[in-house]
N, C-alpha and C. Protein backbone atom coordinates (compact mmCIF):
# COMPACT_ATOMS: atom_id res chain seq x y z
N MET A 1 92.73 110.59 96.24
CA MET A 1 93.59 109.90 97.17
C MET A 1 94.01 108.55 96.59
N ALA A 2 95.24 108.19 96.81
CA ALA A 2 95.74 106.90 96.37
C ALA A 2 95.20 105.80 97.29
N ALA A 3 94.80 104.70 96.69
CA ALA A 3 94.32 103.55 97.46
C ALA A 3 95.44 102.53 97.56
N PHE A 4 95.79 102.15 98.78
CA PHE A 4 96.78 101.10 99.03
C PHE A 4 96.01 99.85 99.42
N THR A 5 96.23 98.75 98.71
CA THR A 5 95.59 97.49 99.06
C THR A 5 96.62 96.38 99.02
N VAL A 6 96.40 95.37 99.86
CA VAL A 6 97.23 94.17 99.88
C VAL A 6 96.29 92.99 99.70
N TRP A 7 96.51 92.23 98.64
CA TRP A 7 95.69 91.07 98.32
C TRP A 7 96.51 89.80 98.48
N LYS A 8 95.95 88.81 99.15
CA LYS A 8 96.60 87.51 99.33
C LYS A 8 95.99 86.52 98.34
N PHE A 9 96.84 85.66 97.79
CA PHE A 9 96.42 84.61 96.87
C PHE A 9 96.87 83.27 97.42
N GLU A 10 96.10 82.25 97.19
CA GLU A 10 96.35 80.94 97.79
C GLU A 10 97.42 80.11 97.07
N THR A 11 98.09 80.69 96.08
CA THR A 11 99.20 80.01 95.41
C THR A 11 100.35 81.00 95.26
N PRO A 12 101.57 80.50 95.12
CA PRO A 12 102.71 81.40 94.92
C PRO A 12 102.63 82.18 93.60
N GLU A 13 101.84 81.70 92.65
CA GLU A 13 101.72 82.36 91.34
C GLU A 13 100.52 83.30 91.24
N GLY A 14 99.63 83.25 92.22
CA GLY A 14 98.39 84.02 92.15
C GLY A 14 98.58 85.52 91.98
N ALA A 15 99.52 86.10 92.71
CA ALA A 15 99.75 87.55 92.61
C ALA A 15 100.28 87.94 91.24
N ASP A 16 101.09 87.07 90.63
CA ASP A 16 101.57 87.35 89.28
C ASP A 16 100.42 87.41 88.29
N GLY A 17 99.46 86.50 88.44
CA GLY A 17 98.28 86.51 87.58
C GLY A 17 97.47 87.77 87.75
N ALA A 18 97.31 88.21 89.00
CA ALA A 18 96.57 89.44 89.27
C ALA A 18 97.29 90.65 88.68
N GLU A 19 98.61 90.65 88.78
CA GLU A 19 99.40 91.74 88.20
C GLU A 19 99.15 91.82 86.69
N SER A 20 99.14 90.68 86.02
CA SER A 20 98.90 90.67 84.57
C SER A 20 97.54 91.25 84.23
N ILE A 21 96.53 90.87 85.01
CA ILE A 21 95.18 91.39 84.78
C ILE A 21 95.17 92.91 84.96
N LEU A 22 95.78 93.39 86.05
CA LEU A 22 95.79 94.83 86.31
C LEU A 22 96.54 95.60 85.24
N LYS A 23 97.64 95.04 84.75
CA LYS A 23 98.40 95.71 83.68
C LYS A 23 97.55 95.81 82.41
N GLN A 24 96.81 94.75 82.11
CA GLN A 24 95.90 94.78 80.96
C GLN A 24 94.85 95.87 81.15
N CYS A 25 94.27 95.92 82.34
CA CYS A 25 93.25 96.92 82.64
C CYS A 25 93.82 98.33 82.52
N GLU A 26 95.05 98.51 82.99
CA GLU A 26 95.68 99.82 82.89
C GLU A 26 95.88 100.20 81.43
N GLY A 27 96.30 99.24 80.62
CA GLY A 27 96.49 99.49 79.20
C GLY A 27 95.20 99.89 78.50
N GLU A 28 94.07 99.44 79.02
CA GLU A 28 92.76 99.77 78.46
C GLU A 28 92.17 101.03 79.10
N GLY A 29 92.92 101.66 80.00
CA GLY A 29 92.46 102.89 80.64
C GLY A 29 91.43 102.69 81.74
N LEU A 30 91.35 101.47 82.29
CA LEU A 30 90.35 101.17 83.32
C LEU A 30 90.83 101.48 84.72
N ILE A 31 92.14 101.63 84.91
CA ILE A 31 92.70 101.88 86.24
C ILE A 31 94.05 102.56 86.08
N THR A 32 94.45 103.31 87.08
CA THR A 32 95.78 103.92 87.10
C THR A 32 96.56 103.27 88.24
N ILE A 33 97.65 102.61 87.88
CA ILE A 33 98.51 101.96 88.87
C ILE A 33 99.67 102.90 89.15
N LEU A 34 99.79 103.34 90.41
CA LEU A 34 100.91 104.20 90.78
C LEU A 34 102.16 103.36 91.05
N ASP A 35 101.99 102.23 91.70
CA ASP A 35 103.12 101.33 91.93
C ASP A 35 102.58 100.04 92.53
N HIS A 36 103.42 99.02 92.49
CA HIS A 36 103.03 97.74 93.07
C HIS A 36 104.26 96.89 93.35
N ALA A 37 104.04 95.91 94.19
CA ALA A 37 105.08 94.92 94.49
C ALA A 37 104.39 93.57 94.69
N ILE A 38 105.14 92.51 94.38
CA ILE A 38 104.62 91.16 94.54
C ILE A 38 105.53 90.40 95.48
N VAL A 39 104.93 89.69 96.41
CA VAL A 39 105.65 88.79 97.30
C VAL A 39 105.13 87.39 97.00
N SER A 40 106.04 86.48 96.67
CA SER A 40 105.68 85.10 96.36
C SER A 40 106.48 84.18 97.28
N TRP A 41 105.78 83.25 97.95
CA TRP A 41 106.45 82.40 98.92
C TRP A 41 106.16 80.93 98.62
N PRO A 42 106.99 80.31 97.77
CA PRO A 42 106.80 78.89 97.47
C PRO A 42 106.99 78.02 98.72
N GLU A 43 106.26 76.92 98.77
CA GLU A 43 106.40 75.95 99.87
C GLU A 43 107.86 75.50 99.94
N GLY A 44 108.35 75.33 101.15
CA GLY A 44 109.70 74.84 101.35
C GLY A 44 110.78 75.90 101.35
N GLU A 45 110.45 77.12 100.97
CA GLU A 45 111.43 78.20 100.97
C GLU A 45 111.46 78.88 102.33
N ALA A 46 112.65 79.31 102.75
CA ALA A 46 112.79 79.97 104.05
C ALA A 46 112.16 81.36 104.05
N HIS A 47 112.25 82.04 102.92
CA HIS A 47 111.73 83.40 102.79
C HIS A 47 111.03 83.54 101.45
N PRO A 48 110.15 84.50 101.35
CA PRO A 48 109.51 84.77 100.06
C PRO A 48 110.45 85.55 99.14
N SER A 49 110.11 85.54 97.87
CA SER A 49 110.82 86.40 96.92
C SER A 49 109.92 87.60 96.66
N ASN A 50 110.50 88.66 96.18
CA ASN A 50 109.68 89.83 95.89
C ASN A 50 110.19 90.53 94.65
N LYS A 51 109.29 91.23 94.01
CA LYS A 51 109.66 92.07 92.88
C LYS A 51 108.83 93.33 92.93
N HIS A 52 109.42 94.40 92.46
CA HIS A 52 108.76 95.70 92.46
C HIS A 52 108.25 96.00 91.08
N GLY A 53 107.21 96.81 91.02
CA GLY A 53 106.57 97.13 89.76
C GLY A 53 107.37 98.01 88.84
N HIS A 54 108.19 98.89 89.38
CA HIS A 54 108.96 99.85 88.59
C HIS A 54 108.08 100.68 87.67
N ASP A 55 106.89 101.00 88.13
CA ASP A 55 106.00 101.85 87.34
C ASP A 55 106.59 103.25 87.28
N GLU A 56 106.40 103.89 86.17
CA GLU A 56 106.97 105.23 85.97
C GLU A 56 106.47 106.23 87.01
N ALA A 57 105.21 106.12 87.40
CA ALA A 57 104.63 107.10 88.31
C ALA A 57 105.27 107.09 89.70
N TRP A 58 105.89 105.98 90.08
CA TRP A 58 106.41 105.89 91.45
C TRP A 58 107.49 106.92 91.71
N ARG A 59 108.17 107.35 90.69
CA ARG A 59 109.27 108.30 90.89
C ARG A 59 108.80 109.57 91.59
N GLY A 60 107.58 109.98 91.33
CA GLY A 60 107.07 111.20 91.95
C GLY A 60 106.27 110.96 93.21
N THR A 61 105.95 109.69 93.51
CA THR A 61 105.08 109.42 94.64
C THR A 61 105.80 108.93 95.88
N GLY A 62 107.00 108.43 95.74
CA GLY A 62 107.74 107.93 96.88
C GLY A 62 107.44 106.49 97.24
N TRP A 63 106.50 105.84 96.55
CA TRP A 63 106.15 104.45 96.86
C TRP A 63 107.29 103.50 96.53
N GLY A 64 108.01 103.76 95.46
CA GLY A 64 109.07 102.84 95.05
C GLY A 64 110.08 102.56 96.13
N ALA A 65 110.49 103.58 96.85
CA ALA A 65 111.47 103.41 97.92
C ALA A 65 110.87 102.63 99.09
N LEU A 66 109.57 102.69 99.24
CA LEU A 66 108.90 102.03 100.35
C LEU A 66 108.89 100.51 100.23
N TRP A 67 108.77 99.97 99.03
CA TRP A 67 108.60 98.53 98.86
C TRP A 67 109.75 97.72 99.46
N GLY A 68 110.97 98.10 99.17
CA GLY A 68 112.11 97.34 99.68
C GLY A 68 112.15 97.34 101.20
N VAL A 69 111.90 98.48 101.81
CA VAL A 69 111.90 98.58 103.26
C VAL A 69 110.74 97.76 103.84
N LEU A 70 109.58 97.90 103.25
CA LEU A 70 108.39 97.22 103.74
C LEU A 70 108.54 95.70 103.67
N VAL A 71 108.89 95.19 102.51
CA VAL A 71 109.01 93.75 102.34
C VAL A 71 110.16 93.20 103.18
N GLY A 72 111.27 93.92 103.22
CA GLY A 72 112.40 93.48 104.02
C GLY A 72 112.06 93.36 105.49
N ALA A 73 111.39 94.36 106.02
CA ALA A 73 111.04 94.34 107.44
C ALA A 73 109.98 93.30 107.75
N LEU A 74 109.05 93.09 106.83
CA LEU A 74 107.97 92.14 107.10
C LEU A 74 108.42 90.69 107.02
N PHE A 75 109.31 90.37 106.08
CA PHE A 75 109.58 88.97 105.81
C PHE A 75 111.03 88.52 106.00
N PHE A 76 111.96 89.45 106.17
CA PHE A 76 113.35 89.03 106.27
C PHE A 76 113.96 89.30 107.64
N VAL A 77 113.22 89.93 108.52
CA VAL A 77 113.67 90.15 109.90
C VAL A 77 113.27 88.91 110.68
N PRO A 78 114.14 88.35 111.51
CA PRO A 78 113.78 87.16 112.28
C PRO A 78 112.51 87.38 113.10
N VAL A 79 111.69 86.36 113.17
CA VAL A 79 110.45 86.44 113.93
C VAL A 79 110.73 86.01 115.38
N ILE A 80 111.43 86.84 116.10
CA ILE A 80 111.77 86.55 117.49
C ILE A 80 111.22 87.68 118.33
N GLY A 81 110.11 87.44 118.95
CA GLY A 81 109.45 88.37 119.86
C GLY A 81 109.81 89.83 119.69
N GLY A 82 110.70 90.31 120.56
CA GLY A 82 111.05 91.72 120.60
C GLY A 82 111.70 92.22 119.34
N VAL A 83 112.48 91.36 118.66
CA VAL A 83 113.14 91.79 117.42
C VAL A 83 112.10 92.10 116.35
N ALA A 84 111.13 91.20 116.19
CA ALA A 84 110.07 91.42 115.20
C ALA A 84 109.26 92.66 115.56
N GLY A 85 108.92 92.80 116.84
CA GLY A 85 108.14 93.97 117.27
C GLY A 85 108.89 95.26 117.04
N ALA A 86 110.19 95.27 117.32
CA ALA A 86 111.00 96.47 117.12
C ALA A 86 111.09 96.81 115.63
N ALA A 87 111.25 95.77 114.80
CA ALA A 87 111.34 96.00 113.36
C ALA A 87 110.03 96.58 112.83
N LEU A 88 108.91 96.01 113.26
CA LEU A 88 107.61 96.52 112.81
C LEU A 88 107.37 97.93 113.33
N GLY A 89 107.83 98.20 114.54
CA GLY A 89 107.70 99.55 115.08
C GLY A 89 108.48 100.56 114.26
N ALA A 90 109.70 100.18 113.86
CA ALA A 90 110.54 101.07 113.06
C ALA A 90 109.94 101.29 111.68
N ILE A 91 109.49 100.21 111.05
CA ILE A 91 108.92 100.37 109.70
C ILE A 91 107.62 101.14 109.74
N SER A 92 106.86 101.01 110.84
CA SER A 92 105.59 101.73 110.89
C SER A 92 105.80 103.24 110.87
N LYS A 93 106.94 103.70 111.36
CA LYS A 93 107.26 105.13 111.29
C LYS A 93 107.41 105.57 109.84
N VAL A 94 107.98 104.69 109.01
CA VAL A 94 108.18 104.99 107.59
C VAL A 94 106.85 104.91 106.84
N THR A 95 106.01 103.94 107.19
CA THR A 95 104.78 103.71 106.43
C THR A 95 103.58 104.53 106.87
N GLU A 96 103.65 105.15 108.04
CA GLU A 96 102.45 105.86 108.51
C GLU A 96 102.07 107.03 107.61
N ASP A 97 103.03 107.64 106.92
CA ASP A 97 102.70 108.71 105.98
C ASP A 97 101.89 108.18 104.81
N ALA A 98 102.06 106.89 104.51
CA ALA A 98 101.31 106.27 103.42
C ALA A 98 99.97 105.73 103.91
N GLY A 99 99.67 105.90 105.19
CA GLY A 99 98.41 105.43 105.73
C GLY A 99 98.44 103.97 106.15
N ILE A 100 99.62 103.40 106.36
CA ILE A 100 99.75 102.00 106.74
C ILE A 100 100.20 101.95 108.20
N THR A 101 99.40 101.33 109.05
CA THR A 101 99.67 101.32 110.49
C THR A 101 100.48 100.09 110.90
N LYS A 102 100.97 100.12 112.13
CA LYS A 102 101.70 98.98 112.69
C LYS A 102 100.79 97.75 112.75
N ASP A 103 99.53 97.93 113.13
CA ASP A 103 98.60 96.80 113.18
C ASP A 103 98.42 96.18 111.80
N GLN A 104 98.34 97.01 110.78
CA GLN A 104 98.22 96.49 109.42
C GLN A 104 99.47 95.71 109.03
N LEU A 105 100.64 96.22 109.38
CA LEU A 105 101.88 95.52 109.08
C LEU A 105 101.92 94.15 109.75
N GLU A 106 101.49 94.09 111.00
CA GLU A 106 101.46 92.80 111.71
C GLU A 106 100.49 91.84 111.04
N LYS A 107 99.35 92.35 110.61
CA LYS A 107 98.36 91.50 109.93
C LYS A 107 98.93 90.96 108.62
N ILE A 108 99.58 91.80 107.85
CA ILE A 108 100.17 91.37 106.57
C ILE A 108 101.20 90.29 106.83
N ARG A 109 102.04 90.49 107.83
CA ARG A 109 103.11 89.53 108.13
C ARG A 109 102.54 88.16 108.48
N THR A 110 101.44 88.10 109.20
CA THR A 110 100.88 86.81 109.58
C THR A 110 100.07 86.15 108.47
N GLU A 111 99.55 86.92 107.54
CA GLU A 111 98.72 86.37 106.46
C GLU A 111 99.53 85.75 105.33
N VAL A 112 100.66 86.35 104.99
CA VAL A 112 101.45 85.86 103.87
C VAL A 112 102.39 84.79 104.40
N THR A 113 102.11 83.55 104.00
CA THR A 113 102.81 82.38 104.53
C THR A 113 103.30 81.51 103.38
N PRO A 114 104.14 80.51 103.67
CA PRO A 114 104.59 79.61 102.59
C PRO A 114 103.41 79.02 101.83
N GLY A 115 103.53 78.99 100.50
CA GLY A 115 102.48 78.48 99.63
C GLY A 115 101.51 79.54 99.15
N THR A 116 101.75 80.81 99.52
CA THR A 116 100.86 81.89 99.11
C THR A 116 101.65 83.00 98.42
N SER A 117 100.95 83.99 97.97
CA SER A 117 101.57 85.19 97.40
C SER A 117 100.71 86.39 97.74
N ALA A 118 101.27 87.57 97.58
CA ALA A 118 100.53 88.80 97.88
C ALA A 118 100.88 89.87 96.85
N LEU A 119 99.88 90.66 96.54
CA LEU A 119 100.05 91.81 95.65
C LEU A 119 99.82 93.07 96.48
N PHE A 120 100.86 93.89 96.60
CA PHE A 120 100.79 95.18 97.26
C PHE A 120 100.62 96.18 96.13
N ILE A 121 99.54 96.94 96.15
CA ILE A 121 99.31 97.84 95.01
C ILE A 121 98.76 99.19 95.47
N VAL A 122 99.23 100.22 94.77
CA VAL A 122 98.75 101.57 95.01
C VAL A 122 98.12 102.03 93.70
N THR A 123 96.85 102.35 93.77
CA THR A 123 96.12 102.76 92.57
C THR A 123 95.45 104.11 92.80
N GLU A 124 95.07 104.67 91.70
CA GLU A 124 94.34 105.93 91.72
C GLU A 124 93.24 105.76 90.69
N SER A 125 92.15 106.33 90.86
CA SER A 125 91.02 106.29 89.94
C SER A 125 90.93 105.01 89.11
N GLY A 126 89.73 104.61 88.85
CA GLY A 126 89.54 103.44 88.03
C GLY A 126 88.08 103.06 87.93
N ASP A 127 87.78 102.23 86.97
CA ASP A 127 86.44 101.70 86.77
C ASP A 127 86.40 100.37 87.52
N LEU A 128 86.10 100.44 88.81
CA LEU A 128 86.18 99.25 89.67
C LEU A 128 85.28 98.12 89.20
N ASP A 129 84.11 98.43 88.68
CA ASP A 129 83.22 97.37 88.23
C ASP A 129 83.85 96.55 87.11
N ARG A 130 84.40 97.23 86.11
CA ARG A 130 85.00 96.52 84.97
C ARG A 130 86.27 95.80 85.36
N VAL A 131 87.08 96.40 86.22
CA VAL A 131 88.30 95.74 86.69
C VAL A 131 87.92 94.55 87.57
N GLY A 132 86.97 94.75 88.46
CA GLY A 132 86.53 93.70 89.38
C GLY A 132 86.00 92.46 88.68
N GLU A 133 85.32 92.64 87.53
CA GLU A 133 84.80 91.50 86.77
C GLU A 133 85.92 90.53 86.41
N ARG A 134 87.08 91.05 86.15
CA ARG A 134 88.20 90.22 85.70
C ARG A 134 88.87 89.46 86.86
N PHE A 135 88.52 89.84 88.08
CA PHE A 135 89.13 89.19 89.25
C PHE A 135 88.29 88.07 89.85
N HIS A 136 87.06 87.93 89.39
CA HIS A 136 86.22 86.86 89.94
C HIS A 136 86.87 85.52 89.64
N GLY A 137 86.90 84.67 90.65
CA GLY A 137 87.52 83.36 90.51
C GLY A 137 89.01 83.33 90.80
N MET A 138 89.58 84.47 91.20
CA MET A 138 91.01 84.54 91.48
C MET A 138 91.36 83.98 92.86
N HIS A 139 90.39 83.70 93.69
CA HIS A 139 90.62 83.17 95.05
C HIS A 139 91.57 84.08 95.83
N SER A 140 91.15 85.32 95.93
CA SER A 140 91.97 86.31 96.63
C SER A 140 91.30 86.72 97.93
N LYS A 141 92.11 87.29 98.79
CA LYS A 141 91.62 87.81 100.06
C LYS A 141 92.22 89.19 100.24
N LEU A 142 91.39 90.16 100.53
CA LEU A 142 91.87 91.50 100.83
C LEU A 142 92.43 91.47 102.25
N ILE A 143 93.75 91.56 102.38
CA ILE A 143 94.37 91.54 103.70
C ILE A 143 94.17 92.87 104.38
N ASP A 144 94.48 93.94 103.67
CA ASP A 144 94.31 95.25 104.28
C ASP A 144 94.33 96.35 103.23
N THR A 145 93.90 97.53 103.67
CA THR A 145 93.80 98.68 102.78
C THR A 145 93.76 99.96 103.61
N ASN A 146 94.02 101.07 102.95
CA ASN A 146 93.87 102.36 103.62
C ASN A 146 92.51 102.98 103.31
N LEU A 147 91.61 102.23 102.70
CA LEU A 147 90.28 102.72 102.38
C LEU A 147 89.41 102.76 103.64
N THR A 148 88.36 103.54 103.58
CA THR A 148 87.40 103.58 104.69
C THR A 148 86.62 102.26 104.71
N GLY A 149 85.89 102.03 105.78
CA GLY A 149 85.10 100.81 105.89
C GLY A 149 84.10 100.65 104.75
N ALA A 150 83.43 101.73 104.37
CA ALA A 150 82.46 101.67 103.28
C ALA A 150 83.15 101.40 101.94
N GLU A 151 84.28 102.06 101.71
CA GLU A 151 85.03 101.84 100.47
C GLU A 151 85.55 100.40 100.41
N ARG A 152 85.99 99.89 101.56
CA ARG A 152 86.48 98.51 101.64
C ARG A 152 85.37 97.53 101.27
N GLN A 153 84.15 97.77 101.77
CA GLN A 153 83.03 96.88 101.48
C GLN A 153 82.72 96.88 99.98
N VAL A 154 82.74 98.04 99.36
CA VAL A 154 82.51 98.13 97.90
C VAL A 154 83.60 97.34 97.17
N MET A 155 84.84 97.48 97.61
CA MET A 155 85.96 96.77 96.99
C MET A 155 85.76 95.26 97.09
N LEU A 156 85.36 94.77 98.25
CA LEU A 156 85.14 93.34 98.44
C LEU A 156 83.99 92.83 97.57
N GLU A 157 82.92 93.59 97.50
CA GLU A 157 81.78 93.19 96.67
C GLU A 157 82.15 93.19 95.19
N THR A 158 82.93 94.17 94.78
CA THR A 158 83.30 94.31 93.38
C THR A 158 84.30 93.24 92.94
N PHE A 159 85.30 92.97 93.78
CA PHE A 159 86.38 92.07 93.39
C PHE A 159 86.13 90.63 93.81
N GLY A 160 85.12 90.39 94.60
CA GLY A 160 84.80 89.02 94.98
C GLY A 160 85.77 88.43 95.99
N GLY A 161 86.60 89.24 96.60
CA GLY A 161 87.50 88.75 97.66
C GLY A 161 86.74 88.58 98.95
N HIS A 162 87.40 88.04 99.93
CA HIS A 162 86.75 87.90 101.24
C HIS A 162 87.63 88.49 102.30
């Protein structure tokens, strides 16, 4: 099963650093990245910027098409009561096949704020211990995942997030 995780970093550049580490790990055969996207929100900007991973594997998984819709609905729809709720409701219909719920979408939207960044990543198989060693000191927070509670706990212990 593919693991979907969203990691928050306390700087606008943090997710880019994590992406570099993961790409290195993938090159060494420690993890398989199916796709990823980065959201970076510098202080003073009205909206965050985003970039997609364009990983080759996404073509067969359908994740690539999801990133634009997901990021657009989370961060570019006005945050006005019913409008935001309707947008999240609509996007949750698209994301539920990927195991991402409306509650998770709301949590992601509130966690990623000006001055932070987030890495949205879909992975398959990997040597979590060796990859996790490289993430210590990254000051990351696991916002959400489609993993079970036990798998989530192992991920937090391995990667040092909170």
